[in-house]
N, C-alpha and C. Protein backbone atom coordinates (compact mmCIF):
# COMPACT_ATOMS: atom_id res chain seq x y z
N UNK A 1 94.06 19.85 169.00
CA UNK A 1 95.17 20.77 169.03
C UNK A 1 94.62 22.19 168.93
N UNK A 2 94.97 23.02 169.90
CA UNK A 2 94.50 24.40 169.87
C UNK A 2 95.35 25.24 168.91
N UNK A 3 94.88 26.44 168.55
CA UNK A 3 95.62 27.26 167.56
C UNK A 3 97.04 27.60 167.98
N UNK A 4 97.28 27.82 169.27
CA UNK A 4 98.63 28.15 169.73
C UNK A 4 99.58 26.98 169.48
N UNK A 5 99.14 25.76 169.79
CA UNK A 5 99.97 24.59 169.56
C UNK A 5 100.23 24.38 168.06
N UNK A 6 99.21 24.62 167.24
CA UNK A 6 99.36 24.46 165.80
C UNK A 6 100.41 25.43 165.25
N UNK A 7 100.33 26.70 165.66
CA UNK A 7 101.28 27.70 165.19
C UNK A 7 102.68 27.40 165.71
N UNK A 8 102.78 27.04 166.98
CA UNK A 8 104.08 26.72 167.55
C UNK A 8 104.71 25.53 166.85
N UNK A 9 103.92 24.49 166.60
CA UNK A 9 104.46 23.30 165.95
C UNK A 9 104.91 23.58 164.52
N UNK A 10 104.15 24.40 163.80
CA UNK A 10 104.46 24.62 162.39
C UNK A 10 105.50 25.69 162.14
N UNK A 11 105.62 26.67 163.01
CA UNK A 11 106.58 27.73 162.77
C UNK A 11 107.80 27.63 163.68
N UNK A 12 107.66 27.16 164.90
CA UNK A 12 108.79 27.13 165.83
C UNK A 12 109.02 25.75 166.41
N UNK A 13 108.32 24.74 165.93
CA UNK A 13 108.45 23.41 166.51
C UNK A 13 109.76 22.72 166.24
N UNK A 14 110.43 23.07 165.16
CA UNK A 14 111.69 22.41 164.84
C UNK A 14 112.89 23.33 165.03
N UNK A 15 112.72 24.39 165.81
CA UNK A 15 113.82 25.32 166.05
C UNK A 15 114.66 24.85 167.21
N UNK A 16 115.57 23.97 166.94
CA UNK A 16 116.54 23.58 167.93
C UNK A 16 117.91 23.74 167.31
N UNK A 17 118.91 23.87 168.10
CA UNK A 17 120.26 24.11 167.60
C UNK A 17 120.68 22.97 166.69
N UNK A 18 120.86 23.29 165.43
CA UNK A 18 121.32 22.30 164.46
C UNK A 18 122.07 23.05 163.36
N UNK A 19 123.41 23.16 163.48
CA UNK A 19 124.17 23.99 162.56
C UNK A 19 124.10 23.54 161.10
N UNK A 20 124.08 22.25 160.84
CA UNK A 20 124.01 21.79 159.44
C UNK A 20 122.71 22.21 158.78
N UNK A 21 121.62 22.00 159.47
CA UNK A 21 120.32 22.42 158.91
C UNK A 21 120.28 23.93 158.75
N UNK A 22 120.89 24.66 159.69
CA UNK A 22 120.95 26.11 159.58
C UNK A 22 121.72 26.56 158.35
N UNK A 23 122.85 25.91 158.09
CA UNK A 23 123.64 26.27 156.91
C UNK A 23 122.91 25.90 155.62
N UNK A 24 122.19 24.78 155.63
CA UNK A 24 121.39 24.42 154.45
C UNK A 24 120.31 25.47 154.20
N UNK A 25 119.64 25.90 155.26
CA UNK A 25 118.61 26.94 155.11
C UNK A 25 119.21 28.23 154.60
N UNK A 26 120.37 28.62 155.12
CA UNK A 26 121.01 29.85 154.65
C UNK A 26 121.45 29.72 153.19
N UNK A 27 121.95 28.54 152.80
CA UNK A 27 122.33 28.31 151.40
C UNK A 27 121.11 28.41 150.49
N UNK A 28 120.00 27.78 150.89
CA UNK A 28 118.78 27.85 150.08
C UNK A 28 118.23 29.27 150.02
N UNK A 29 118.34 29.99 151.13
CA UNK A 29 117.90 31.39 151.14
C UNK A 29 118.73 32.23 150.18
N UNK A 30 120.04 32.02 150.22
CA UNK A 30 120.91 32.73 149.30
C UNK A 30 120.62 32.38 147.85
N UNK A 31 120.35 31.12 147.58
CA UNK A 31 120.03 30.69 146.22
C UNK A 31 118.73 31.32 145.74
N UNK A 32 117.73 31.36 146.60
CA UNK A 32 116.45 31.97 146.22
C UNK A 32 116.62 33.47 145.99
N UNK A 33 117.43 34.12 146.81
CA UNK A 33 117.67 35.55 146.62
C UNK A 33 118.42 35.81 145.31
N UNK A 34 119.38 34.95 144.99
CA UNK A 34 120.13 35.09 143.74
C UNK A 34 119.20 34.93 142.55
N UNK A 35 118.23 34.01 142.65
CA UNK A 35 117.25 33.85 141.57
C UNK A 35 116.50 35.16 141.34
N UNK A 36 116.08 35.81 142.43
CA UNK A 36 115.38 37.09 142.29
C UNK A 36 116.32 38.17 141.76
N UNK A 37 117.54 38.23 142.27
CA UNK A 37 118.48 39.29 141.92
C UNK A 37 118.84 39.25 140.43
N UNK A 38 119.03 38.05 139.90
CA UNK A 38 119.43 37.92 138.50
C UNK A 38 118.26 37.76 137.54
N UNK A 39 117.05 37.90 138.02
CA UNK A 39 115.89 37.89 137.13
C UNK A 39 115.93 39.14 136.26
N UNK A 40 115.47 39.03 135.02
CA UNK A 40 115.46 40.23 134.16
C UNK A 40 114.63 41.35 134.79
N UNK A 41 115.05 42.56 134.56
CA UNK A 41 114.41 43.72 135.21
C UNK A 41 112.91 43.77 134.96
N UNK A 42 112.47 43.43 133.76
CA UNK A 42 111.04 43.50 133.46
C UNK A 42 110.25 42.38 134.15
N UNK A 43 110.93 41.33 134.59
CA UNK A 43 110.24 40.23 135.28
C UNK A 43 110.48 40.20 136.78
N UNK A 44 111.36 41.06 137.26
CA UNK A 44 111.78 41.01 138.68
C UNK A 44 110.62 41.18 139.65
N UNK A 45 109.60 41.93 139.28
CA UNK A 45 108.49 42.19 140.18
C UNK A 45 107.21 41.51 139.71
N UNK A 46 107.39 40.31 139.14
CA UNK A 46 106.25 39.45 138.83
C UNK A 46 106.13 38.41 139.93
N UNK A 47 105.15 37.53 139.81
CA UNK A 47 104.82 36.62 140.91
C UNK A 47 105.97 35.70 141.29
N UNK A 48 106.52 34.96 140.35
CA UNK A 48 107.52 33.94 140.70
C UNK A 48 108.77 34.54 141.35
N UNK A 49 109.39 35.57 140.78
CA UNK A 49 110.55 36.15 141.48
C UNK A 49 110.21 36.73 142.85
N UNK A 50 109.02 37.30 143.01
CA UNK A 50 108.63 37.83 144.32
C UNK A 50 108.45 36.71 145.34
N UNK A 51 107.90 35.57 144.91
CA UNK A 51 107.77 34.42 145.82
C UNK A 51 109.16 33.96 146.26
N UNK A 52 110.11 33.93 145.32
CA UNK A 52 111.47 33.54 145.69
C UNK A 52 112.12 34.55 146.63
N UNK A 53 111.88 35.83 146.41
CA UNK A 53 112.43 36.86 147.29
C UNK A 53 111.89 36.73 148.71
N UNK A 54 110.58 36.63 148.84
CA UNK A 54 109.97 36.52 150.17
C UNK A 54 110.31 35.19 150.83
N UNK A 55 110.39 34.12 150.03
CA UNK A 55 110.80 32.82 150.57
C UNK A 55 112.23 32.84 151.07
N UNK A 56 113.09 33.62 150.40
CA UNK A 56 114.48 33.70 150.85
C UNK A 56 114.56 34.38 152.22
N UNK A 57 113.70 35.37 152.46
CA UNK A 57 113.69 36.01 153.78
C UNK A 57 113.33 35.01 154.88
N UNK A 58 112.29 34.23 154.65
CA UNK A 58 111.86 33.29 155.70
C UNK A 58 112.89 32.18 155.91
N UNK A 59 113.53 31.70 154.84
CA UNK A 59 114.56 30.68 155.01
C UNK A 59 115.79 31.24 155.71
N UNK A 60 116.13 32.49 155.45
CA UNK A 60 117.27 33.11 156.13
C UNK A 60 116.99 33.25 157.62
N UNK A 61 115.80 33.68 157.97
CA UNK A 61 115.44 33.79 159.39
C UNK A 61 115.48 32.43 160.06
N UNK A 62 114.95 31.41 159.38
CA UNK A 62 114.97 30.05 159.93
C UNK A 62 116.42 29.57 160.12
N UNK A 63 117.28 29.85 159.13
CA UNK A 63 118.68 29.44 159.23
C UNK A 63 119.38 30.09 160.41
N UNK A 64 119.11 31.37 160.65
CA UNK A 64 119.73 32.06 161.78
C UNK A 64 119.27 31.44 163.09
N UNK A 65 117.98 31.13 163.20
CA UNK A 65 117.48 30.52 164.43
C UNK A 65 118.04 29.11 164.64
N UNK A 66 118.27 28.37 163.56
CA UNK A 66 118.85 27.04 163.70
C UNK A 66 120.32 27.09 164.08
N UNK A 67 120.99 28.19 163.81
CA UNK A 67 122.40 28.34 164.18
C UNK A 67 122.59 28.85 165.60
N UNK A 68 121.53 29.33 166.23
CA UNK A 68 121.64 29.88 167.59
C UNK A 68 121.27 28.82 168.63
N UNK A 69 122.14 28.62 169.58
CA UNK A 69 121.84 27.68 170.66
C UNK A 69 120.65 28.14 171.50
N UNK A 70 120.49 29.44 171.66
CA UNK A 70 119.46 29.97 172.55
C UNK A 70 118.05 29.86 171.97
N UNK A 71 117.90 29.50 170.70
CA UNK A 71 116.56 29.42 170.12
C UNK A 71 115.94 28.04 170.29
N UNK A 72 116.61 27.14 170.97
CA UNK A 72 116.09 25.79 171.11
C UNK A 72 114.80 25.74 171.93
N UNK A 73 114.61 26.61 172.87
CA UNK A 73 113.41 26.57 173.70
C UNK A 73 112.32 27.52 173.25
N UNK A 74 112.41 28.05 172.05
CA UNK A 74 111.45 29.02 171.54
C UNK A 74 110.07 28.39 171.41
N UNK A 75 109.07 29.01 172.00
CA UNK A 75 107.70 28.53 171.89
C UNK A 75 107.34 27.44 172.89
N UNK A 76 108.19 27.17 173.86
CA UNK A 76 107.91 26.10 174.83
C UNK A 76 107.41 26.70 176.15
N UNK A 77 106.66 25.88 176.85
CA UNK A 77 106.21 26.29 178.19
C UNK A 77 107.38 26.13 179.16
N UNK A 78 107.21 26.59 180.40
CA UNK A 78 108.29 26.50 181.38
C UNK A 78 108.61 25.05 181.74
N UNK A 79 107.59 24.19 181.80
CA UNK A 79 107.84 22.79 182.11
C UNK A 79 108.62 22.11 180.98
N UNK A 80 108.25 22.40 179.73
CA UNK A 80 108.97 21.82 178.60
C UNK A 80 110.39 22.35 178.53
N UNK A 81 110.58 23.61 178.89
CA UNK A 81 111.90 24.21 178.88
C UNK A 81 112.79 23.59 179.95
N UNK A 82 112.23 23.28 181.12
CA UNK A 82 113.00 22.64 182.18
C UNK A 82 113.39 21.22 181.78
N UNK A 83 112.52 20.53 181.08
CA UNK A 83 112.81 19.17 180.65
C UNK A 83 113.78 19.13 179.47
N UNK A 84 114.03 20.26 178.85
CA UNK A 84 114.89 20.32 177.68
C UNK A 84 116.34 19.97 178.01
N UNK A 85 116.79 20.27 179.22
CA UNK A 85 118.18 20.00 179.59
C UNK A 85 118.45 18.52 179.79
N UNK A 86 117.41 17.71 179.93
CA UNK A 86 117.58 16.27 180.09
C UNK A 86 118.03 15.67 178.75
N UNK A 87 119.15 14.92 178.72
CA UNK A 87 119.64 14.37 177.45
C UNK A 87 118.64 13.43 176.77
N UNK A 88 117.77 12.80 177.54
CA UNK A 88 116.79 11.89 176.95
C UNK A 88 115.71 12.64 176.18
N UNK A 89 115.58 13.94 176.43
CA UNK A 89 114.50 14.69 175.82
C UNK A 89 114.86 15.28 174.46
N UNK A 90 116.09 15.12 174.00
CA UNK A 90 116.46 15.66 172.70
C UNK A 90 115.72 14.92 171.60
N UNK A 91 115.18 15.70 170.67
CA UNK A 91 114.41 15.12 169.59
C UNK A 91 115.35 14.49 168.57
N UNK A 92 114.90 13.38 168.00
CA UNK A 92 115.64 12.76 166.92
C UNK A 92 115.40 13.58 165.64
N UNK A 93 116.37 13.57 164.76
CA UNK A 93 116.23 14.29 163.50
C UNK A 93 115.14 13.63 162.67
N UNK A 94 114.22 14.41 162.11
CA UNK A 94 113.14 13.83 161.32
C UNK A 94 113.68 13.18 160.04
N UNK A 95 112.85 12.42 159.38
CA UNK A 95 113.24 11.76 158.14
C UNK A 95 113.50 12.80 157.06
N UNK A 96 114.21 12.39 156.00
CA UNK A 96 114.55 13.31 154.92
C UNK A 96 113.30 13.87 154.23
N UNK A 97 112.28 13.04 153.90
CA UNK A 97 111.07 13.63 153.31
C UNK A 97 110.40 14.66 154.22
N UNK A 98 110.43 14.40 155.51
CA UNK A 98 109.84 15.34 156.45
C UNK A 98 110.63 16.65 156.49
N UNK A 99 111.96 16.57 156.40
CA UNK A 99 112.78 17.77 156.41
C UNK A 99 112.58 18.59 155.13
N UNK A 100 112.49 17.90 153.99
CA UNK A 100 112.25 18.60 152.72
C UNK A 100 110.89 19.28 152.76
N UNK A 101 109.89 18.58 153.28
CA UNK A 101 108.56 19.19 153.39
C UNK A 101 108.58 20.39 154.32
N UNK A 102 109.39 20.34 155.37
CA UNK A 102 109.51 21.48 156.28
C UNK A 102 110.15 22.67 155.57
N UNK A 103 111.14 22.42 154.72
CA UNK A 103 111.77 23.51 153.97
C UNK A 103 110.77 24.14 153.01
N UNK A 104 109.97 23.31 152.33
CA UNK A 104 108.94 23.83 151.42
C UNK A 104 107.93 24.66 152.21
N UNK A 105 107.56 24.17 153.38
CA UNK A 105 106.62 24.90 154.23
C UNK A 105 107.22 26.23 154.69
N UNK A 106 108.48 26.23 155.09
CA UNK A 106 109.14 27.46 155.51
C UNK A 106 109.29 28.44 154.35
N UNK A 107 109.61 27.93 153.17
CA UNK A 107 109.73 28.77 151.98
C UNK A 107 108.38 29.42 151.65
N UNK A 108 107.31 28.64 151.72
CA UNK A 108 105.98 29.17 151.45
C UNK A 108 105.51 30.15 152.51
N UNK A 109 105.98 29.98 153.73
CA UNK A 109 105.55 30.90 154.79
C UNK A 109 106.07 32.31 154.55
N UNK A 110 107.16 32.45 153.77
CA UNK A 110 107.65 33.79 153.45
C UNK A 110 106.61 34.58 152.67
N UNK A 111 106.08 33.98 151.61
CA UNK A 111 105.05 34.67 150.81
C UNK A 111 103.74 34.77 151.57
N UNK A 112 103.45 33.76 152.37
CA UNK A 112 102.21 33.74 153.13
C UNK A 112 102.16 34.85 154.17
N UNK A 113 103.27 35.10 154.84
CA UNK A 113 103.29 36.08 155.92
C UNK A 113 103.83 37.46 155.52
N UNK A 114 104.67 37.51 154.50
CA UNK A 114 105.35 38.77 154.17
C UNK A 114 104.75 39.49 152.97
N UNK A 115 103.63 39.03 152.43
CA UNK A 115 103.05 39.68 151.25
C UNK A 115 102.68 41.15 151.49
N UNK A 116 102.37 41.61 152.71
CA UNK A 116 102.08 43.04 152.88
C UNK A 116 103.26 43.96 152.57
N UNK A 117 104.49 43.40 152.56
CA UNK A 117 105.66 44.21 152.20
C UNK A 117 105.54 44.74 150.78
N UNK A 118 104.79 44.03 149.94
CA UNK A 118 104.64 44.46 148.54
C UNK A 118 103.99 45.84 148.45
N UNK A 119 103.22 46.22 149.44
CA UNK A 119 102.62 47.57 149.45
C UNK A 119 103.69 48.65 149.51
N UNK A 120 104.78 48.38 150.25
CA UNK A 120 105.86 49.36 150.34
C UNK A 120 106.61 49.46 149.02
N UNK A 121 106.70 48.36 148.27
CA UNK A 121 107.35 48.39 146.97
C UNK A 121 106.62 49.29 146.00
N UNK A 122 105.29 49.28 146.07
CA UNK A 122 104.51 50.16 145.21
C UNK A 122 104.70 51.62 145.61
N UNK A 123 104.97 51.89 146.89
CA UNK A 123 105.22 53.26 147.33
C UNK A 123 106.60 53.75 146.89
N UNK A 124 107.57 52.84 146.81
CA UNK A 124 108.94 53.22 146.44
C UNK A 124 109.05 53.44 144.93
N UNK A 125 108.53 52.50 144.16
CA UNK A 125 108.61 52.59 142.70
C UNK A 125 107.23 52.91 142.15
N UNK A 126 107.03 54.16 141.74
CA UNK A 126 105.71 54.61 141.29
C UNK A 126 105.26 53.95 139.99
N UNK A 127 106.20 53.37 139.23
CA UNK A 127 105.81 52.70 137.99
C UNK A 127 105.15 51.34 138.27
N UNK A 128 105.34 50.83 139.48
CA UNK A 128 104.75 49.54 139.85
C UNK A 128 103.37 49.82 140.43
N UNK A 129 102.37 49.90 139.58
CA UNK A 129 101.04 50.34 140.00
C UNK A 129 100.18 49.22 140.56
N UNK A 130 100.42 47.99 140.15
CA UNK A 130 99.55 46.89 140.57
C UNK A 130 100.37 45.69 141.03
N UNK A 131 100.87 45.72 142.29
CA UNK A 131 101.65 44.58 142.77
C UNK A 131 100.75 43.33 142.89
N UNK A 132 101.28 42.16 142.55
CA UNK A 132 100.47 40.93 142.58
C UNK A 132 100.32 40.36 143.99
N UNK A 133 99.73 41.13 144.88
CA UNK A 133 99.63 40.74 146.28
C UNK A 133 98.85 39.45 146.48
N UNK A 134 97.67 39.36 145.90
CA UNK A 134 96.82 38.18 146.10
C UNK A 134 97.46 36.92 145.53
N UNK A 135 98.05 37.03 144.36
CA UNK A 135 98.67 35.86 143.74
C UNK A 135 99.86 35.38 144.56
N UNK A 136 100.69 36.31 145.03
CA UNK A 136 101.83 35.94 145.87
C UNK A 136 101.35 35.28 147.16
N UNK A 137 100.31 35.82 147.76
CA UNK A 137 99.74 35.24 148.98
C UNK A 137 99.23 33.82 148.72
N UNK A 138 98.51 33.64 147.61
CA UNK A 138 97.95 32.32 147.30
C UNK A 138 99.04 31.29 146.99
N UNK A 139 100.08 31.70 146.29
CA UNK A 139 101.20 30.78 146.03
C UNK A 139 101.87 30.40 147.34
N UNK A 140 102.08 31.37 148.22
CA UNK A 140 102.66 31.08 149.53
C UNK A 140 101.79 30.15 150.35
N UNK A 141 100.48 30.40 150.34
CA UNK A 141 99.56 29.53 151.08
C UNK A 141 99.57 28.12 150.49
N UNK A 142 99.65 28.02 149.16
CA UNK A 142 99.70 26.70 148.53
C UNK A 142 100.97 25.95 148.88
N UNK A 143 102.12 26.63 148.85
CA UNK A 143 103.38 25.98 149.23
C UNK A 143 103.37 25.58 150.70
N UNK A 144 102.85 26.45 151.55
CA UNK A 144 102.77 26.15 152.98
C UNK A 144 101.89 24.91 153.21
N UNK A 145 100.73 24.87 152.53
CA UNK A 145 99.82 23.73 152.70
C UNK A 145 100.43 22.46 152.13
N UNK A 146 101.11 22.55 150.98
CA UNK A 146 101.74 21.37 150.41
C UNK A 146 102.82 20.82 151.34
N UNK A 147 103.62 21.71 151.91
CA UNK A 147 104.64 21.28 152.86
C UNK A 147 104.04 20.68 154.11
N UNK A 148 102.97 21.29 154.60
CA UNK A 148 102.30 20.79 155.80
C UNK A 148 101.73 19.39 155.58
N UNK A 149 101.02 19.22 154.47
CA UNK A 149 100.42 17.91 154.18
C UNK A 149 101.49 16.85 153.95
N UNK A 150 102.53 17.20 153.20
CA UNK A 150 103.61 16.25 152.93
C UNK A 150 104.33 15.86 154.21
N UNK A 151 104.56 16.83 155.08
CA UNK A 151 105.23 16.54 156.35
C UNK A 151 104.38 15.63 157.23
N UNK A 152 103.07 15.89 157.28
CA UNK A 152 102.18 15.04 158.07
C UNK A 152 102.17 13.62 157.52
N UNK A 153 102.12 13.47 156.18
CA UNK A 153 102.13 12.14 155.57
C UNK A 153 103.45 11.43 155.80
N UNK A 154 104.58 12.16 155.71
CA UNK A 154 105.89 11.55 155.96
C UNK A 154 106.02 11.12 157.41
N UNK A 155 105.54 11.92 158.32
CA UNK A 155 105.60 11.55 159.74
C UNK A 155 104.70 10.35 160.03
N UNK A 156 103.53 10.31 159.38
CA UNK A 156 102.63 9.17 159.58
C UNK A 156 103.24 7.91 159.02
N UNK A 157 103.88 7.99 157.85
CA UNK A 157 104.52 6.81 157.27
C UNK A 157 105.68 6.33 158.13
N UNK A 158 106.42 7.25 158.73
CA UNK A 158 107.52 6.87 159.62
C UNK A 158 106.99 6.19 160.87
N UNK A 159 105.86 6.68 161.41
CA UNK A 159 105.26 6.05 162.59
C UNK A 159 104.72 4.66 162.27
N UNK A 160 104.12 4.52 161.07
CA UNK A 160 103.59 3.22 160.68
C UNK A 160 104.69 2.20 160.45
N UNK A 161 105.85 2.65 159.95
CA UNK A 161 106.96 1.75 159.69
C UNK A 161 107.63 1.30 161.00
N UNK A 162 107.54 2.11 162.04
CA UNK A 162 108.20 1.77 163.31
C UNK A 162 107.39 0.83 164.16
């Protein structure tokens, strides 16, 4: 598997129109944001609340894409896009463990990809002199890897059972 296929499969591989999954992602994004919003002021800019804040952004983006019909062909080649209109080509919904692992992976991708935003926070609030950039990145990478490994194991178990 080349790097383009790996990135497409992990970030855009499950982006097909699915309103229920989109609403679940938006609900989880809202819940994660509420966790950050109601965190005590002295803890709001520590590692755990920041991971929840950045994870809420990635889950919200994922939810919006799952609610849009036009995002179903995102990351596909022209041949795959042409075959998408065939009713036989619709993907079956993955197993529940695989979906949970995908949510964990998407949540972790927020901290993994959006940690540079923390630099702007230090520019806005001068009292925040040492943002935990590396720790937030490592937690995001750990969540992303845990979701990736769990999803691969769940998919392998489903294939072995079939």
